[in-house]
Amino acid sequence: MRRFFLILIMVCSLTLPAIAQQYPGITAGPQTLQSAATTGLGSVLNVNGRAAELTVVVQGTGTTSGGVIKIEEAYWSPTTSQYTGTWSVIATLTAGTEFTSNTQTVYHTSAPAAFWKVRARISSDITGGGTVTVTAWTN
């Protein structure tokens, strides 16, 4: 039995670095996808299929009377460049409804999934003079 565990430890120590190189940038902790923004694609949260639950926090600063944020997902191979087509929409958050001025709104996925790459795209500009900061993480 002891021999089995030693072999298991050796195999893991040899294969885990290779997996990490194949899937660089795996992020589980909080990452800012939009920072004091009113428009734009934002940055990408690299999940790479290693988490089932997604949490997104939208922080409005100032007056956010209009605008839409789409939480989106796409896939591309670790050996190819970023996907440039239309991403799949996970959720749509609207200013004045799902988030408002000077408030924080937390969105959780309602069912487990296996996310790959996630972004928070401002699909309709944030209006009213305020901005939004979007932070996301997985677990």
C-alpha atoms as a PDB file:
ATOM      1  CA  MET A   1       0.000   0.000   0.000  1.00  0.00           C
ATOM      2  CA  ARG A   2       2.814   2.372   0.866  1.00  0.00           C
ATOM      3  CA  ARG A   3       4.452   1.606  -2.460  1.00  0.00           C
ATOM      4  CA  PHE A   4       1.221   2.523  -4.277  1.00  0.00           C
ATOM      5  CA  PHE A   5       1.110   5.955  -2.623  1.00  0.00           C
ATOM      6  CA  LEU A   6       4.752   6.613  -3.428  1.00  0.00           C
ATOM      7  CA  ILE A   7       4.137   5.799  -7.073  1.00  0.00           C
ATOM      8  CA  LEU A   8       1.013   7.966  -7.089  1.00  0.00           C
ATOM      9  CA  ILE A   9       2.939  10.918  -5.643  1.00  0.00           C
ATOM     10  CA  MET A  10       5.697  10.476  -8.227  1.00  0.00           C
ATOM     11  CA  VAL A  11       3.216  10.361 -11.130  1.00  0.00           C
ATOM     12  CA  CYS A  12       1.388  13.469  -9.891  1.00  0.00           C
ATOM     13  CA  SER A  13       4.597  15.408  -9.414  1.00  0.00           C
ATOM     14  CA  LEU A  14       5.592  14.614 -12.992  1.00  0.00           C
ATOM     15  CA  THR A  15       2.245  15.250 -14.702  1.00  0.00           C
ATOM     16  CA  LEU A  16       0.861  18.317 -12.895  1.00  0.00           C
ATOM     17  CA  PRO A  17       3.536  20.726 -14.205  1.00  0.00           C
ATOM     18  CA  ALA A  18       2.798  19.518 -17.748  1.00  0.00           C
ATOM     19  CA  ILE A  19      -0.922  20.174 -17.256  1.00  0.00           C
ATOM     20  CA  ALA A  20      -0.199  23.668 -15.906  1.00  0.00           C
ATOM     21  CA  GLN A  21       1.911  24.436 -18.986  1.00  0.00           C
ATOM     22  CA  GLN A  22      -0.811  23.198 -21.311  1.00  0.00           C
ATOM     23  CA  TYR A  23      -3.431  25.381 -19.594  1.00  0.00           C
ATOM     24  CA  PRO A  24      -1.622  28.580 -18.569  1.00  0.00           C
ATOM     25  CA  GLY A  25      -3.382  31.308 -16.629  1.00  0.00           C
ATOM     26  CA  ILE A  26      -5.841  29.140 -14.725  1.00  0.00           C
ATOM     27  CA  THR A  27      -7.602  31.562 -12.430  1.00  0.00           C
ATOM     28  CA  ALA A  28      -9.851  30.647  -9.535  1.00  0.00           C
ATOM     29  CA  GLY A  29      -9.514  33.712  -7.321  1.00  0.00           C
ATOM     30  CA  PRO A  30     -11.141  37.107  -7.910  1.00  0.00           C
ATOM     31  CA  GLN A  31     -10.151  38.829 -11.157  1.00  0.00           C
ATOM     32  CA  THR A  32     -11.265  42.245 -12.405  1.00  0.00           C
ATOM     33  CA  LEU A  33     -12.896  41.926 -15.826  1.00  0.00           C
ATOM     34  CA  GLN A  34     -13.968  45.587 -16.158  1.00  0.00           C
ATOM     35  CA  SER A  35     -12.462  48.426 -14.137  1.00  0.00           C
ATOM     36  CA  ALA A  36     -14.360  51.739 -13.812  1.00  0.00           C
ATOM     37  CA  ALA A  37     -15.658  51.154 -17.340  1.00  0.00           C
ATOM     38  CA  THR A  38     -18.544  52.428 -19.445  1.00  0.00           C
ATOM     39  CA  THR A  39     -17.877  50.369 -22.589  1.00  0.00           C
ATOM     40  CA  GLY A  40     -15.726  47.534 -23.903  1.00  0.00           C
ATOM     41  CA  LEU A  41     -14.986  43.817 -23.935  1.00  0.00           C
ATOM     42  CA  GLY A  42     -13.017  43.703 -20.685  1.00  0.00           C
ATOM     43  CA  SER A  43     -10.475  41.045 -19.774  1.00  0.00           C
ATOM     44  CA  VAL A  44     -10.937  37.261 -19.766  1.00  0.00           C
ATOM     45  CA  LEU A  45     -11.213  34.964 -16.755  1.00  0.00           C
ATOM     46  CA  ASN A  46      -9.335  31.759 -17.660  1.00  0.00           C
ATOM     47  CA  VAL A  47     -11.233  28.889 -16.086  1.00  0.00           C
ATOM     48  CA  ASN A  48     -10.320  26.189 -18.627  1.00  0.00           C
ATOM     49  CA  GLY A  49     -13.076  23.796 -17.557  1.00  0.00           C
ATOM     50  CA  ARG A  50     -11.737  23.469 -14.013  1.00  0.00           C
ATOM     51  CA  ALA A  51     -14.650  25.012 -12.099  1.00  0.00           C
ATOM     52  CA  ALA A  52     -18.378  24.466 -12.003  1.00  0.00           C
ATOM     53  CA  GLU A  53     -19.655  27.615 -10.319  1.00  0.00           C
ATOM     54  CA  LEU A  54     -19.207  31.237 -11.378  1.00  0.00           C
ATOM     55  CA  THR A  55     -19.659  34.354  -9.244  1.00  0.00           C
ATOM     56  CA  VAL A  56     -19.766  37.821 -10.828  1.00  0.00           C
ATOM     57  CA  VAL A  57     -19.859  41.065  -8.843  1.00  0.00           C
ATOM     58  CA  VAL A  58     -20.963  44.313 -10.535  1.00  0.00           C
ATOM     59  CA  GLN A  59     -20.057  47.469  -8.602  1.00  0.00           C
ATOM     60  CA  GLY A  60     -21.738  50.647  -9.858  1.00  0.00           C
ATOM     61  CA  THR A  61     -20.031  53.936  -9.041  1.00  0.00           C
ATOM     62  CA  GLY A  62     -21.877  57.204  -9.581  1.00  0.00           C
ATOM     63  CA  THR A  63     -25.098  57.284 -11.568  1.00  0.00           C
ATOM     64  CA  THR A  64     -25.584  54.232 -13.791  1.00  0.00           C
ATOM     65  CA  SER A  65     -28.988  54.875 -15.343  1.00  0.00           C
ATOM     66  CA  GLY A  66     -28.608  52.759 -18.472  1.00  0.00           C
ATOM     67  CA  GLY A  67     -26.481  50.110 -20.111  1.00  0.00           C
ATOM     68  CA  VAL A  68     -26.133  46.360 -20.361  1.00  0.00           C
ATOM     69  CA  ILE A  69     -23.404  43.929 -19.275  1.00  0.00           C
ATOM     70  CA  LYS A  70     -23.390  40.464 -20.849  1.00  0.00           C
ATOM     71  CA  ILE A  71     -21.550  37.697 -19.017  1.00  0.00           C
ATOM     72  CA  GLU A  72     -20.252  35.499 -21.834  1.00  0.00           C
ATOM     73  CA  GLU A  73     -18.291  32.304 -22.396  1.00  0.00           C
ATOM     74  CA  ALA A  74     -16.192  30.964 -25.270  1.00  0.00           C
ATOM     75  CA  TYR A  75     -13.788  28.111 -25.962  1.00  0.00           C
ATOM     76  CA  TRP A  76     -10.481  28.012 -27.772  1.00  0.00           C
ATOM     77  CA  SER A  77      -7.605  25.582 -27.628  1.00  0.00           C
ATOM     78  CA  PRO A  78      -4.586  26.490 -25.489  1.00  0.00           C
ATOM     79  CA  THR A  79      -2.510  26.234 -28.674  1.00  0.00           C
ATOM     80  CA  THR A  80      -4.591  28.689 -30.749  1.00  0.00           C
ATOM     81  CA  SER A  81      -5.262  32.415 -30.568  1.00  0.00           C
ATOM     82  CA  GLN A  82      -8.266  33.912 -28.783  1.00  0.00           C
ATOM     83  CA  TYR A  83     -11.699  33.188 -30.261  1.00  0.00           C
ATOM     84  CA  THR A  84     -12.972  36.207 -32.221  1.00  0.00           C
ATOM     85  CA  GLY A  85     -16.507  35.048 -33.044  1.00  0.00           C
ATOM     86  CA  THR A  86     -19.739  35.581 -31.132  1.00  0.00           C
ATOM     87  CA  TRP A  87     -19.471  34.382 -27.526  1.00  0.00           C
ATOM     88  CA  SER A  88     -22.327  32.506 -25.784  1.00  0.00           C
ATOM     89  CA  VAL A  89     -24.306  34.570 -23.279  1.00  0.00           C
ATOM     90  CA  ILE A  90     -24.459  33.193 -19.726  1.00  0.00           C
ATOM     91  CA  ALA A  91     -26.363  36.148 -18.234  1.00  0.00           C
ATOM     92  CA  THR A  92     -27.519  39.667 -19.124  1.00  0.00           C
ATOM     93  CA  LEU A  93     -27.382  42.355 -16.417  1.00  0.00           C
ATOM     94  CA  THR A  94     -29.158  45.673 -17.040  1.00  0.00           C
ATOM     95  CA  ALA A  95     -28.409  48.986 -15.296  1.00  0.00           C
ATOM     96  CA  GLY A  96     -31.394  50.165 -13.290  1.00  0.00           C
ATOM     97  CA  THR A  97     -32.738  46.609 -13.037  1.00  0.00           C
ATOM     98  CA  GLU A  98     -30.019  44.107 -12.050  1.00  0.00           C
ATOM     99  CA  PHE A  99     -27.582  46.786 -10.850  1.00  0.00           C
ATOM    100  CA  THR A 100     -27.989  50.445  -9.929  1.00  0.00           C
ATOM    101  CA  SER A 101     -25.968  53.503  -8.960  1.00  0.00           C
ATOM    102  CA  ASN A 102     -23.514  53.159  -6.072  1.00  0.00           C
ATOM    103  CA  THR A 103     -24.529  49.570  -5.317  1.00  0.00           C
ATOM    104  CA  GLN A 104     -22.988  46.146  -5.556  1.00  0.00           C
ATOM    105  CA  THR A 105     -24.832  43.274  -7.242  1.00  0.00           C
ATOM    106  CA  VAL A 106     -23.624  39.672  -6.958  1.00  0.00           C
ATOM    107  CA  TYR A 107     -24.634  37.161  -9.637  1.00  0.00           C
ATOM    108  CA  HIS A 108     -24.192  33.382  -9.171  1.00  0.00           C
ATOM    109  CA  THR A 109     -24.724  30.727 -11.799  1.00  0.00           C
ATOM    110  CA  SER A 110     -27.876  28.820 -10.947  1.00  0.00           C
ATOM    111  CA  ALA A 111     -26.670  25.398 -12.056  1.00  0.00           C
ATOM    112  CA  PRO A 112     -23.244  23.774 -12.163  1.00  0.00           C
ATOM    113  CA  ALA A 113     -21.459  24.028 -15.493  1.00  0.00           C
ATOM    114  CA  ALA A 114     -17.914  23.642 -16.814  1.00  0.00           C
ATOM    115  CA  PHE A 115     -16.805  27.111 -17.903  1.00  0.00           C
ATOM    116  CA  TRP A 116     -13.814  27.667 -20.209  1.00  0.00           C
ATOM    117  CA  LYS A 117     -13.172  31.395 -20.792  1.00  0.00           C
ATOM    118  CA  VAL A 118     -15.496  34.029 -19.309  1.00  0.00           C
ATOM    119  CA  ARG A 119     -15.763  37.779 -19.901  1.00  0.00           C
ATOM    120  CA  ALA A 120     -18.084  40.634 -18.924  1.00  0.00           C
ATOM    121  CA  ARG A 121     -18.776  42.586 -22.122  1.00  0.00           C
ATOM    122  CA  ILE A 122     -20.528  45.949 -21.876  1.00  0.00           C
ATOM    123  CA  SER A 123     -22.846  45.449 -24.855  1.00  0.00           C
ATOM    124  CA  SER A 124     -24.730  48.724 -24.390  1.00  0.00           C
ATOM    125  CA  ASP A 125     -22.729  51.657 -22.966  1.00  0.00           C
ATOM    126  CA  ILE A 126     -23.182  52.532 -19.286  1.00  0.00           C
ATOM    127  CA  THR A 127     -24.940  55.915 -19.182  1.00  0.00           C
ATOM    128  CA  GLY A 128     -25.692  58.500 -16.508  1.00  0.00           C
ATOM    129  CA  GLY A 129     -22.086  59.552 -15.887  1.00  0.00           C
ATOM    130  CA  GLY A 130     -21.117  56.632 -13.659  1.00  0.00           C
ATOM    131  CA  THR A 131     -18.961  53.551 -14.237  1.00  0.00           C
ATOM    132  CA  VAL A 132     -18.985  49.841 -13.418  1.00  0.00           C
ATOM    133  CA  THR A 133     -16.323  47.504 -12.110  1.00  0.00           C
ATOM    134  CA  VAL A 134     -16.909  43.806 -12.715  1.00  0.00           C
ATOM    135  CA  THR A 135     -15.058  41.140 -10.726  1.00  0.00           C
ATOM    136  CA  ALA A 136     -15.469  37.372 -11.188  1.00  0.00           C
ATOM    137  CA  TRP A 137     -14.203  34.101  -9.735  1.00  0.00           C
ATOM    138  CA  THR A 138     -14.964  30.408  -9.872  1.00  0.00           C
ATOM    139  CA  ASN A 139     -15.056  27.524  -7.430  1.00  0.00           C
END
